[in-house]
């Protein structure tokens, strides 16, 4: 079961947060990713120190991007707040806010990227797919790792390695993670897995503060 989502380019890069720290980081991501397009392992390795520095700065992310979202398409009150996306949709940066005790669905991302914990604590369960993927709606997963994460911890996505996981908040307050991914993650069709029934379905997580449909332009963005 493979998703191929073709999204129309945007008129321009979109910024939903006015932050010099974020703008500087995105510029670095664009520069490094362009120069390492044939080796995404190198992309992630070179980006990680800059991402670590961004995570360590606790003043750049406003509280409104660290809120849960009762209307979440991911369920469980999980907020997915878009901070930046490139006009060609080749890069997105967003915060994912998971309430205490809530767990994301088991899902993939379908792009290279880095995810770093900004606030709170998490337990991440990483899976790999062990079936052929030929049977529609069927997927066999195997747990490869369970990790306890603290603020500043970073994990890499390089499909198929590390791309399928579920994350649970283990702290008393919501956990906030920052995602830097090589696609428009909230708007593409990707996969939600149900390990108990060995099944998989397509889903679009969306964003809490930005539409995916091109004709919906009621949101306000910062320039």
Foldseek 3Di string as FASTA:
>chain_A
DDFDDDAAFAPFKFAFFDFPLVVVLVVVLVVLCVVQVVPVVSSCVVSLVSVLVSLVDQPRDDVVQQAFACPFPQDQSKAWAWGIAGRNQQKTKTKIKHFAFDKGFWWFQPWKWKKFWNAAKKKKWFWAWDDPPPDAFFTAIDTDDIDIDHHSDMDIDDPPPRGTMMMHGNGNGIIMMMMMTRGNRQQGWTWGADNVVRGIDTDHRHHPQDGNDPVDDPGDTDD
